[in-house]
Amino acid sequence: MTTPVDVSDVVRSKYGEAARRVLNAEGAAAESCCGPVNSCCGGSAFNGMVDPITSNLYVNGESDVLPSAAMLASLGCGNPTALAQLNPGEVVLDLGSGGGIDVLLSARRVGPTGKAYGLDMTDDMLTLARKNATEAGVTNVEFLKGQIEHIPLPDASVDVIISNCVINLSGDKRRVLAEAFRVLKPGGRFAISDVVVRGEVPEAVRRSMELWVGCVAGALEETQFKALLTEVGFVGPDVEPTRMYKSEDARVFLNDAGIDVDANLDQIDGRFMAAFVRATKPVSTSPTSGACCGPDCCP
């Protein structure tokens, strides 16, 4: 059985390799970890077709102001900055910030009175992200080294947490969500893009699809994700599909893994998706005394 340490080591190695390729300006057409060429997720199966996982995540013109290296190192499955409704003056934290594209876009949205943090455990990604921030001339950013299971920020210090296809890579997702809850301010928003599974899927099919989608993915089932968010204290958990992954998209990869696609169509189509996952940290918790009977502290 894979342990959280094993997962971290593999993720660090794969994403570090991707960052080094960008930094060395080699293989610029194949930087997406789940892209169509030389990928670590079996993406070569697409035979040059448009990658259905990482393509067209950012609207036209949105990333034009950013260095090309930020796009080349973008390994996500969504665009959390467009969905999080960031406001001027807010503090944003991107979990698993990679080359920094979502941090830089967030920094522009929150403006000079706000701040965007990026947290990543991979030295080469941090080097790339800081380089991209300098080239973009964005100063209201800070990139931190650390793991998303142990966020190096104080309690109640962040307005919004975003993440782009990273939480599924963690071996201890409950700890990640608990840490996100801790660092959010009361009323703070959890607004991430991630890979989510809908319903029951045979283990062999599930693991093969997850490997195709995200290298070392361990995507949560939709109801499980909502339950974990509630368990650590969030309210109003919601999962909104943004992109469905079809069996035909991964046919060659699944066939190579010994999965009979035609025999498993009903257990694949519509079951794996990129989704926007939302939740909110309550503005206040229950009081320690019985004095309060306002709307925020009484059932």
C-alpha atoms as a PDB file:
ATOM      1  CA  MET A   1       0.000   0.000   0.000  1.00  0.00           C
ATOM      2  CA  THR A   2       1.270   3.465  -0.916  1.00  0.00           C
ATOM      3  CA  THR A   3       2.055   5.647   2.094  1.00  0.00           C
ATOM      4  CA  PRO A   4       1.783   9.465   2.199  1.00  0.00           C
ATOM      5  CA  VAL A   5       5.590   9.678   2.176  1.00  0.00           C
ATOM      6  CA  ASP A   6       5.750   7.550  -0.981  1.00  0.00           C
ATOM      7  CA  VAL A   7       3.227   9.807  -2.690  1.00  0.00           C
ATOM      8  CA  SER A   8       5.110  12.971  -1.703  1.00  0.00           C
ATOM      9  CA  ASP A   9       8.369  11.594  -3.029  1.00  0.00           C
ATOM     10  CA  VAL A  10       6.860  10.648  -6.381  1.00  0.00           C
ATOM     11  CA  VAL A  11       5.044  13.966  -6.760  1.00  0.00           C
ATOM     12  CA  ARG A  12       8.181  15.923  -5.864  1.00  0.00           C
ATOM     13  CA  SER A  13      10.209  13.982  -8.418  1.00  0.00           C
ATOM     14  CA  LYS A  14       7.726  14.276 -11.273  1.00  0.00           C
ATOM     15  CA  TYR A  15       6.908  17.952 -10.784  1.00  0.00           C
ATOM     16  CA  GLY A  16      10.528  18.836 -10.156  1.00  0.00           C
ATOM     17  CA  GLU A  17      11.380  17.235 -13.466  1.00  0.00           C
ATOM     18  CA  ALA A  18       8.684  19.253 -15.219  1.00  0.00           C
ATOM     19  CA  ALA A  19      10.002  22.497 -13.692  1.00  0.00           C
ATOM     20  CA  ARG A  20      13.565  21.712 -14.736  1.00  0.00           C
ATOM     21  CA  ARG A  21      12.492  21.134 -18.318  1.00  0.00           C
ATOM     22  CA  VAL A  22      10.877  24.562 -18.393  1.00  0.00           C
ATOM     23  CA  LEU A  23      13.847  26.215 -16.696  1.00  0.00           C
ATOM     24  CA  ASN A  24      16.180  24.601 -19.210  1.00  0.00           C
ATOM     25  CA  ALA A  25      13.906  25.617 -22.093  1.00  0.00           C
ATOM     26  CA  GLU A  26      13.841  22.031 -23.377  1.00  0.00           C
ATOM     27  CA  GLY A  27      10.799  20.109 -24.529  1.00  0.00           C
ATOM     28  CA  ALA A  28       8.637  23.211 -24.458  1.00  0.00           C
ATOM     29  CA  ALA A  29       5.823  21.446 -26.299  1.00  0.00           C
ATOM     30  CA  ALA A  30       5.538  18.711 -23.715  1.00  0.00           C
ATOM     31  CA  GLU A  31       5.637  20.336 -20.325  1.00  0.00           C
ATOM     32  CA  SER A  32       2.191  19.317 -19.137  1.00  0.00           C
ATOM     33  CA  CYS A  33       2.516  16.305 -16.888  1.00  0.00           C
ATOM     34  CA  CYS A  34      -0.683  15.037 -18.464  1.00  0.00           C
ATOM     35  CA  GLY A  35      -0.020  16.437 -21.915  1.00  0.00           C
ATOM     36  CA  PRO A  36      -0.028  14.759 -25.313  1.00  0.00           C
ATOM     37  CA  VAL A  37       3.713  14.089 -25.692  1.00  0.00           C
ATOM     38  CA  ASN A  38       6.245  12.371 -23.418  1.00  0.00           C
ATOM     39  CA  SER A  39       3.925  12.643 -20.479  1.00  0.00           C
ATOM     40  CA  CYS A  40       4.216  10.802 -17.185  1.00  0.00           C
ATOM     41  CA  CYS A  41       0.515   9.977 -17.259  1.00  0.00           C
ATOM     42  CA  GLY A  42       0.303   8.027 -20.464  1.00  0.00           C
ATOM     43  CA  GLY A  43      -0.747  11.073 -22.439  1.00  0.00           C
ATOM     44  CA  SER A  44       1.176   9.863 -25.488  1.00  0.00           C
ATOM     45  CA  ALA A  45      -1.964   7.853 -26.196  1.00  0.00           C
ATOM     46  CA  PHE A  46      -3.570  10.949 -27.669  1.00  0.00           C
ATOM     47  CA  ASN A  47      -1.298  10.769 -30.715  1.00  0.00           C
ATOM     48  CA  GLY A  48      -1.065  14.515 -31.080  1.00  0.00           C
ATOM     49  CA  MET A  49      -4.707  15.285 -30.314  1.00  0.00           C
ATOM     50  CA  VAL A  50      -5.659  18.144 -28.021  1.00  0.00           C
ATOM     51  CA  ASP A  51      -5.208  17.079 -24.415  1.00  0.00           C
ATOM     52  CA  PRO A  52      -8.683  17.046 -22.801  1.00  0.00           C
ATOM     53  CA  ILE A  53      -7.271  17.536 -19.301  1.00  0.00           C
ATOM     54  CA  THR A  54      -5.048  20.596 -19.485  1.00  0.00           C
ATOM     55  CA  SER A  55      -6.176  22.395 -22.649  1.00  0.00           C
ATOM     56  CA  ASN A  56      -8.189  25.622 -22.756  1.00  0.00           C
ATOM     57  CA  LEU A  57      -8.337  26.168 -18.998  1.00  0.00           C
ATOM     58  CA  TYR A  58      -7.678  29.915 -19.199  1.00  0.00           C
ATOM     59  CA  VAL A  59      -9.821  32.334 -21.158  1.00  0.00           C
ATOM     60  CA  ASN A  60      -8.391  34.199 -24.118  1.00  0.00           C
ATOM     61  CA  GLY A  61      -6.097  37.016 -23.071  1.00  0.00           C
ATOM     62  CA  GLU A  62      -6.130  36.065 -19.378  1.00  0.00           C
ATOM     63  CA  SER A  63      -2.555  34.747 -19.362  1.00  0.00           C
ATOM     64  CA  ASP A  64      -1.156  37.070 -22.033  1.00  0.00           C
ATOM     65  CA  VAL A  65       0.452  39.260 -19.376  1.00  0.00           C
ATOM     66  CA  LEU A  66       2.336  36.337 -17.830  1.00  0.00           C
ATOM     67  CA  PRO A  67       5.661  34.769 -18.854  1.00  0.00           C
ATOM     68  CA  SER A  68       5.291  31.814 -21.211  1.00  0.00           C
ATOM     69  CA  ALA A  69       7.131  29.638 -18.681  1.00  0.00           C
ATOM     70  CA  ALA A  70       4.235  30.022 -16.272  1.00  0.00           C
ATOM     71  CA  MET A  71       1.910  28.462 -18.840  1.00  0.00           C
ATOM     72  CA  LEU A  72       4.373  25.725 -19.773  1.00  0.00           C
ATOM     73  CA  ALA A  73       4.573  24.609 -16.148  1.00  0.00           C
ATOM     74  CA  SER A  74       0.823  24.710 -15.611  1.00  0.00           C
ATOM     75  CA  LEU A  75      -0.155  21.158 -14.670  1.00  0.00           C
ATOM     76  CA  GLY A  76      -3.704  21.842 -13.573  1.00  0.00           C
ATOM     77  CA  CYS A  77      -7.156  20.622 -14.495  1.00  0.00           C
ATOM     78  CA  GLY A  78      -9.078  23.871 -14.007  1.00  0.00           C
ATOM     79  CA  ASN A  79      -8.888  27.613 -13.459  1.00  0.00           C
ATOM     80  CA  PRO A  80      -9.630  28.339  -9.784  1.00  0.00           C
ATOM     81  CA  THR A  81      -8.794  32.035 -10.130  1.00  0.00           C
ATOM     82  CA  ALA A  82     -11.707  32.573 -12.499  1.00  0.00           C
ATOM     83  CA  LEU A  83     -14.158  30.766 -10.235  1.00  0.00           C
ATOM     84  CA  ALA A  84     -13.075  32.018  -6.814  1.00  0.00           C
ATOM     85  CA  GLN A  85     -14.418  35.570  -7.291  1.00  0.00           C
ATOM     86  CA  LEU A  86     -11.364  37.217  -5.768  1.00  0.00           C
ATOM     87  CA  ASN A  87     -11.792  40.754  -4.480  1.00  0.00           C
ATOM     88  CA  PRO A  88      -9.342  43.670  -4.148  1.00  0.00           C
ATOM     89  CA  GLY A  89      -7.435  43.618  -0.868  1.00  0.00           C
ATOM     90  CA  GLU A  90      -7.899  39.904  -0.160  1.00  0.00           C
ATOM     91  CA  VAL A  91      -5.162  37.463   0.851  1.00  0.00           C
ATOM     92  CA  VAL A  92      -5.064  34.335  -1.310  1.00  0.00           C
ATOM     93  CA  LEU A  93      -3.169  31.088  -0.804  1.00  0.00           C
ATOM     94  CA  ASP A  94      -2.559  28.628  -3.642  1.00  0.00           C
ATOM     95  CA  LEU A  95      -1.876  25.083  -2.399  1.00  0.00           C
ATOM     96  CA  GLY A  96       0.668  23.408  -4.674  1.00  0.00           C
ATOM     97  CA  SER A  97       1.396  26.540  -6.683  1.00  0.00           C
ATOM     98  CA  GLY A  98       3.829  25.002  -9.192  1.00  0.00           C
ATOM     99  CA  GLY A  99       5.138  27.501 -11.726  1.00  0.00           C
ATOM    100  CA  GLY A 100       2.955  30.213 -10.241  1.00  0.00           C
ATOM    101  CA  ILE A 101       0.346  30.917 -12.923  1.00  0.00           C
ATOM    102  CA  ASP A 102      -2.620  30.920 -10.526  1.00  0.00           C
ATOM    103  CA  VAL A 103      -0.700  32.932  -7.924  1.00  0.00           C
ATOM    104  CA  LEU A 104       0.203  35.598 -10.474  1.00  0.00           C
ATOM    105  CA  LEU A 105      -3.348  35.770 -11.818  1.00  0.00           C
ATOM    106  CA  SER A 106      -4.672  35.984  -8.249  1.00  0.00           C
ATOM    107  CA  ALA A 107      -2.227  38.757  -7.383  1.00  0.00           C
ATOM    108  CA  ARG A 108      -3.568  40.847 -10.239  1.00  0.00           C
ATOM    109  CA  ARG A 109      -7.159  40.248  -9.133  1.00  0.00           C
ATOM    110  CA  VAL A 110      -6.600  41.220  -5.482  1.00  0.00           C
ATOM    111  CA  GLY A 111      -4.554  44.251  -6.480  1.00  0.00           C
ATOM    112  CA  PRO A 112      -1.761  46.095  -4.656  1.00  0.00           C
ATOM    113  CA  THR A 113      -3.657  46.121  -1.358  1.00  0.00           C
ATOM    114  CA  GLY A 114      -3.998  42.335  -1.443  1.00  0.00           C
ATOM    115  CA  LYS A 115      -1.492  39.502  -1.472  1.00  0.00           C
ATOM    116  CA  ALA A 116      -1.130  36.088  -3.071  1.00  0.00           C
ATOM    117  CA  TYR A 117       0.861  33.265  -1.480  1.00  0.00           C
ATOM    118  CA  GLY A 118       2.002  30.164  -3.292  1.00  0.00           C
ATOM    119  CA  LEU A 119       2.931  27.022  -1.366  1.00  0.00           C
ATOM    120  CA  ASP A 120       4.975  24.277  -2.996  1.00  0.00           C
ATOM    121  CA  MET A 121       7.331  21.571  -1.744  1.00  0.00           C
ATOM    122  CA  THR A 122       9.451  21.366  -4.909  1.00  0.00           C
ATOM    123  CA  ASP A 123      12.558  23.559  -5.025  1.00  0.00           C
ATOM    124  CA  ASP A 124      12.674  23.735  -8.814  1.00  0.00           C
ATOM    125  CA  MET A 125       9.029  24.808  -9.020  1.00  0.00           C
ATOM    126  CA  LEU A 126       9.660  27.517  -6.434  1.00  0.00           C
ATOM    127  CA  THR A 127      12.660  28.735  -8.432  1.00  0.00           C
ATOM    128  CA  LEU A 128      10.555  28.836 -11.586  1.00  0.00           C
ATOM    129  CA  ALA A 129       7.639  30.572  -9.868  1.00  0.00           C
ATOM    130  CA  ARG A 130       9.833  33.300  -8.377  1.00  0.00           C
ATOM    131  CA  LYS A 131      11.469  33.821 -11.763  1.00  0.00           C
ATOM    132  CA  ASN A 132       8.053  34.127 -13.393  1.00  0.00           C
ATOM    133  CA  ALA A 133       6.908  36.646 -10.774  1.00  0.00           C
ATOM    134  CA  THR A 134       9.995  38.786 -11.385  1.00  0.00           C
ATOM    135  CA  GLU A 135       9.535  38.686 -15.148  1.00  0.00           C
ATOM    136  CA  ALA A 136       5.851  39.546 -14.801  1.00  0.00           C
ATOM    137  CA  GLY A 137       6.661  42.479 -12.516  1.00  0.00           C
ATOM    138  CA  VAL A 138       4.219  41.219  -9.881  1.00  0.00           C
ATOM    139  CA  THR A 139       5.323  42.225  -6.387  1.00  0.00           C
ATOM    140  CA  ASN A 140       2.378  41.367  -4.126  1.00  0.00           C
ATOM    141  CA  VAL A 141       3.278  37.656  -4.131  1.00  0.00           C
ATOM    142  CA  GLU A 142       5.276  35.349  -1.887  1.00  0.00           C
ATOM    143  CA  PHE A 143       6.222  31.752  -2.585  1.00  0.00           C
ATOM    144  CA  LEU A 144       6.641  29.493   0.435  1.00  0.00           C
ATOM    145  CA  LYS A 145       8.309  26.104   0.668  1.00  0.00           C
ATOM    146  CA  GLY A 146       6.321  23.440   2.448  1.00  0.00           C
ATOM    147  CA  GLN A 147       3.759  20.686   2.192  1.00  0.00           C
ATOM    148  CA  ILE A 148       0.048  21.304   1.899  1.00  0.00           C
ATOM    149  CA  GLU A 149      -0.477  19.038   4.914  1.00  0.00           C
ATOM    150  CA  HIS A 150       1.527  21.525   7.008  1.00  0.00           C
ATOM    151  CA  ILE A 151       0.804  25.066   5.828  1.00  0.00           C
ATOM    152  CA  PRO A 152       3.467  27.505   7.128  1.00  0.00           C
ATOM    153  CA  LEU A 153       1.052  30.353   7.840  1.00  0.00           C
ATOM    154  CA  PRO A 154      -0.676  31.514  11.054  1.00  0.00           C
ATOM    155  CA  ASP A 155      -4.238  30.714  12.031  1.00  0.00           C
ATOM    156  CA  ALA A 156      -6.929  32.865  10.399  1.00  0.00           C
ATOM    157  CA  SER A 157      -4.524  34.660   8.063  1.00  0.00           C
ATOM    158  CA  VAL A 158      -6.032  33.959   4.606  1.00  0.00           C
ATOM    159  CA  ASP A 159      -9.269  35.069   2.925  1.00  0.00           C
ATOM    160  CA  VAL A 160      -9.331  32.547   0.085  1.00  0.00           C
ATOM    161  CA  ILE A 161      -7.652  29.204  -0.565  1.00  0.00           C
ATOM    162  CA  ILE A 162      -7.302  28.019  -4.149  1.00  0.00           C
ATOM    163  CA  SER A 163      -5.620  24.955  -5.622  1.00  0.00           C
ATOM    164  CA  ASN A 164      -5.375  23.469  -9.087  1.00  0.00           C
ATOM    165  CA  CYS A 165      -5.461  19.669  -9.290  1.00  0.00           C
ATOM    166  CA  VAL A 166      -3.171  19.166  -6.272  1.00  0.00           C
ATOM    167  CA  ILE A 167      -5.214  17.957  -3.302  1.00  0.00           C
ATOM    168  CA  ASN A 168      -5.889  14.672  -5.106  1.00  0.00           C
ATOM    169  CA  LEU A 169      -2.122  14.073  -4.997  1.00  0.00           C
ATOM    170  CA  SER A 170      -1.961  14.171  -1.199  1.00  0.00           C
ATOM    171  CA  GLY A 171      -1.804  10.988   0.838  1.00  0.00           C
ATOM    172  CA  ASP A 172      -3.561  12.693   3.783  1.00  0.00           C
ATOM    173  CA  LYS A 173      -6.427  14.717   2.376  1.00  0.00           C
ATOM    174  CA  ARG A 174      -8.175  15.163   5.716  1.00  0.00           C
ATOM    175  CA  ARG A 175      -5.055  16.857   7.082  1.00  0.00           C
ATOM    176  CA  VAL A 176      -4.917  19.142   4.039  1.00  0.00           C
ATOM    177  CA  LEU A 177      -8.520  20.230   4.513  1.00  0.00           C
ATOM    178  CA  ALA A 178      -8.041  20.711   8.255  1.00  0.00           C
ATOM    179  CA  GLU A 179      -5.002  22.908   7.600  1.00  0.00           C
ATOM    180  CA  ALA A 180      -6.949  24.906   5.018  1.00  0.00           C
ATOM    181  CA  PHE A 181      -9.687  25.451   7.598  1.00  0.00           C
ATOM    182  CA  ARG A 182      -7.126  26.540  10.207  1.00  0.00           C
ATOM    183  CA  VAL A 183      -5.451  29.238   8.113  1.00  0.00           C
ATOM    184  CA  LEU A 184      -8.673  30.678   6.696  1.00  0.00           C
ATOM    185  CA  LYS A 185     -10.210  33.673   8.410  1.00  0.00           C
ATOM    186  CA  PRO A 186     -13.780  33.348   9.691  1.00  0.00           C
ATOM    187  CA  GLY A 187     -15.939  33.622   6.610  1.00  0.00           C
ATOM    188  CA  GLY A 188     -12.987  32.603   4.439  1.00  0.00           C
ATOM    189  CA  ARG A 189     -13.566  30.665   1.230  1.00  0.00           C
ATOM    190  CA  PHE A 190     -12.216  27.342   0.045  1.00  0.00           C
ATOM    191  CA  ALA A 191     -12.385  27.392  -3.774  1.00  0.00           C
ATOM    192  CA  ILE A 192     -10.340  24.789  -5.618  1.00  0.00           C
ATOM    193  CA  SER A 193     -10.224  22.862  -8.877  1.00  0.00           C
ATOM    194  CA  ASP A 194      -9.513  19.155  -8.553  1.00  0.00           C
ATOM    195  CA  VAL A 195     -10.178  15.724  -9.974  1.00  0.00           C
ATOM    196  CA  VAL A 196     -13.277  14.146  -8.425  1.00  0.00           C
ATOM    197  CA  VAL A 197     -14.899  10.746  -8.863  1.00  0.00           C
ATOM    198  CA  ARG A 198     -18.679  10.442  -9.047  1.00  0.00           C
ATOM    199  CA  GLY A 199     -20.120   7.148  -7.803  1.00  0.00           C
ATOM    200  CA  GLU A 200     -18.637   3.681  -7.488  1.00  0.00           C
ATOM    201  CA  VAL A 201     -15.994   2.546  -9.976  1.00  0.00           C
ATOM    202  CA  PRO A 202     -14.171  -0.814 -10.100  1.00  0.00           C
ATOM    203  CA  GLU A 203     -10.734  -0.460  -8.526  1.00  0.00           C
ATOM    204  CA  ALA A 204      -8.751  -1.419 -11.651  1.00  0.00           C
ATOM    205  CA  VAL A 205     -10.672   1.055 -13.780  1.00  0.00           C
ATOM    206  CA  ARG A 206     -10.459   3.755 -11.115  1.00  0.00           C
ATOM    207  CA  ARG A 207      -6.702   3.488 -10.686  1.00  0.00           C
ATOM    208  CA  SER A 208      -6.041   3.466 -14.426  1.00  0.00           C
ATOM    209  CA  MET A 209      -8.218   6.514 -15.017  1.00  0.00           C
ATOM    210  CA  GLU A 210      -6.618   8.333 -12.104  1.00  0.00           C
ATOM    211  CA  LEU A 211      -3.138   7.607 -13.420  1.00  0.00           C
ATOM    212  CA  TRP A 212      -4.161   8.921 -16.818  1.00  0.00           C
ATOM    213  CA  VAL A 213      -5.684  12.075 -15.358  1.00  0.00           C
ATOM    214  CA  GLY A 214      -3.073  13.002 -12.808  1.00  0.00           C
ATOM    215  CA  CYS A 215       0.106  10.924 -12.548  1.00  0.00           C
ATOM    216  CA  VAL A 216      -0.234   9.907  -8.903  1.00  0.00           C
ATOM    217  CA  ALA A 217      -3.859  10.860  -8.442  1.00  0.00           C
ATOM    218  CA  GLY A 218      -5.972   9.613  -5.558  1.00  0.00           C
ATOM    219  CA  ALA A 219      -9.136  11.476  -6.412  1.00  0.00           C
ATOM    220  CA  LEU A 220     -11.862  11.591  -3.766  1.00  0.00           C
ATOM    221  CA  GLU A 221     -15.389  10.450  -4.488  1.00  0.00           C
ATOM    222  CA  GLU A 222     -17.793  13.405  -4.616  1.00  0.00           C
ATOM    223  CA  THR A 223     -19.788  12.622  -1.468  1.00  0.00           C
ATOM    224  CA  GLN A 224     -16.599  11.711   0.403  1.00  0.00           C
ATOM    225  CA  PHE A 225     -15.074  15.083  -0.470  1.00  0.00           C
ATOM    226  CA  LYS A 226     -18.133  16.911   0.865  1.00  0.00           C
ATOM    227  CA  ALA A 227     -18.151  14.764   4.010  1.00  0.00           C
ATOM    228  CA  LEU A 228     -14.488  15.485   4.753  1.00  0.00           C
ATOM    229  CA  LEU A 229     -15.017  19.219   4.308  1.00  0.00           C
ATOM    230  CA  THR A 230     -17.899  19.118   6.761  1.00  0.00           C
ATOM    231  CA  GLU A 231     -15.944  16.941   9.175  1.00  0.00           C
ATOM    232  CA  VAL A 232     -13.124  19.482   9.529  1.00  0.00           C
ATOM    233  CA  GLY A 233     -15.583  22.375  10.067  1.00  0.00           C
ATOM    234  CA  PHE A 234     -16.532  23.823   6.680  1.00  0.00           C
ATOM    235  CA  VAL A 235     -20.113  24.666   5.785  1.00  0.00           C
ATOM    236  CA  GLY A 236     -21.914  24.643   2.453  1.00  0.00           C
ATOM    237  CA  PRO A 237     -19.652  22.167   0.621  1.00  0.00           C
ATOM    238  CA  ASP A 238     -20.428  22.028  -3.079  1.00  0.00           C
ATOM    239  CA  VAL A 239     -18.926  20.151  -6.032  1.00  0.00           C
ATOM    240  CA  GLU A 240     -19.548  21.643  -9.489  1.00  0.00           C
ATOM    241  CA  PRO A 241     -18.321  19.624 -12.502  1.00  0.00           C
ATOM    242  CA  THR A 242     -16.329  21.716 -14.956  1.00  0.00           C
ATOM    243  CA  ARG A 243     -14.995  19.056 -17.336  1.00  0.00           C
ATOM    244  CA  MET A 244     -15.977  15.401 -17.757  1.00  0.00           C
ATOM    245  CA  TYR A 245     -13.322  12.860 -18.732  1.00  0.00           C
ATOM    246  CA  LYS A 246     -14.586  10.350 -21.286  1.00  0.00           C
ATOM    247  CA  SER A 247     -13.429   6.799 -21.876  1.00  0.00           C
ATOM    248  CA  GLU A 248     -12.731   7.621 -25.522  1.00  0.00           C
ATOM    249  CA  ASP A 249     -10.250  10.306 -24.456  1.00  0.00           C
ATOM    250  CA  ALA A 250      -8.158   7.676 -22.680  1.00  0.00           C
ATOM    251  CA  ARG A 251      -8.931   4.616 -24.812  1.00  0.00           C
ATOM    252  CA  VAL A 252      -5.354   3.750 -25.841  1.00  0.00           C
ATOM    253  CA  PHE A 253      -3.998   4.347 -22.347  1.00  0.00           C
ATOM    254  CA  LEU A 254      -6.687   2.165 -20.773  1.00  0.00           C
ATOM    255  CA  ASN A 255      -6.212  -0.574 -23.355  1.00  0.00           C
ATOM    256  CA  ASP A 256      -2.482  -0.586 -22.587  1.00  0.00           C
ATOM    257  CA  ALA A 257      -3.397  -1.003 -18.902  1.00  0.00           C
ATOM    258  CA  GLY A 258      -5.500  -4.047 -19.723  1.00  0.00           C
ATOM    259  CA  ILE A 259      -8.859  -2.302 -19.308  1.00  0.00           C
ATOM    260  CA  ASP A 260     -11.559  -3.308 -21.807  1.00  0.00           C
ATOM    261  CA  VAL A 261     -12.976   0.135 -22.518  1.00  0.00           C
ATOM    262  CA  ASP A 262     -16.085  -1.061 -24.353  1.00  0.00           C
ATOM    263  CA  ALA A 263     -16.969  -3.442 -21.542  1.00  0.00           C
ATOM    264  CA  ASN A 264     -16.583  -0.709 -18.926  1.00  0.00           C
ATOM    265  CA  LEU A 265     -18.157   2.293 -20.648  1.00  0.00           C
ATOM    266  CA  ASP A 266     -20.946   2.641 -18.096  1.00  0.00           C
ATOM    267  CA  GLN A 267     -18.382   2.638 -15.276  1.00  0.00           C
ATOM    268  CA  ILE A 268     -16.123   5.283 -16.851  1.00  0.00           C
ATOM    269  CA  ASP A 269     -18.127   7.913 -18.734  1.00  0.00           C
ATOM    270  CA  GLY A 270     -19.356  10.628 -16.424  1.00  0.00           C
ATOM    271  CA  ARG A 271     -17.590   9.181 -13.394  1.00  0.00           C
ATOM    272  CA  PHE A 272     -14.279  11.094 -13.591  1.00  0.00           C
ATOM    273  CA  MET A 273     -14.312  14.860 -13.765  1.00  0.00           C
ATOM    274  CA  ALA A 274     -12.528  18.068 -13.082  1.00  0.00           C
ATOM    275  CA  ALA A 275     -14.646  19.994 -10.626  1.00  0.00           C
ATOM    276  CA  PHE A 276     -14.766  23.255  -8.743  1.00  0.00           C
ATOM    277  CA  VAL A 277     -15.051  22.453  -5.033  1.00  0.00           C
ATOM    278  CA  ARG A 278     -16.379  25.193  -2.746  1.00  0.00           C
ATOM    279  CA  ALA A 279     -16.871  25.518   0.985  1.00  0.00           C
ATOM    280  CA  THR A 280     -16.849  28.294   3.598  1.00  0.00           C
ATOM    281  CA  LYS A 281     -15.375  28.640   7.064  1.00  0.00           C
ATOM    282  CA  PRO A 282     -18.168  29.769   9.418  1.00  0.00           C
ATOM    283  CA  VAL A 283     -18.075  33.399  10.476  1.00  0.00           C
ATOM    284  CA  SER A 284     -18.356  32.355  14.099  1.00  0.00           C
ATOM    285  CA  THR A 285     -18.414  29.180  16.148  1.00  0.00           C
ATOM    286  CA  SER A 286     -20.720  28.203  18.965  1.00  0.00           C
ATOM    287  CA  PRO A 287     -20.112  30.307  22.111  1.00  0.00           C
ATOM    288  CA  THR A 288     -18.500  28.885  25.238  1.00  0.00           C
ATOM    289  CA  SER A 289     -21.300  30.267  27.398  1.00  0.00           C
ATOM    290  CA  GLY A 290     -25.036  30.335  27.039  1.00  0.00           C
ATOM    291  CA  ALA A 291     -25.233  34.135  26.964  1.00  0.00           C
ATOM    292  CA  CYS A 292     -25.516  34.476  23.209  1.00  0.00           C
ATOM    293  CA  CYS A 293     -28.780  33.802  21.428  1.00  0.00           C
ATOM    294  CA  GLY A 294     -28.136  35.629  18.174  1.00  0.00           C
ATOM    295  CA  PRO A 295     -28.455  34.177  14.684  1.00  0.00           C
ATOM    296  CA  ASP A 296     -24.786  33.178  14.582  1.00  0.00           C
ATOM    297  CA  CYS A 297     -24.684  31.101  17.730  1.00  0.00           C
ATOM    298  CA  CYS A 298     -28.101  29.502  18.247  1.00  0.00           C
ATOM    299  CA  PRO A 299     -29.650  26.687  16.156  1.00  0.00           C
END
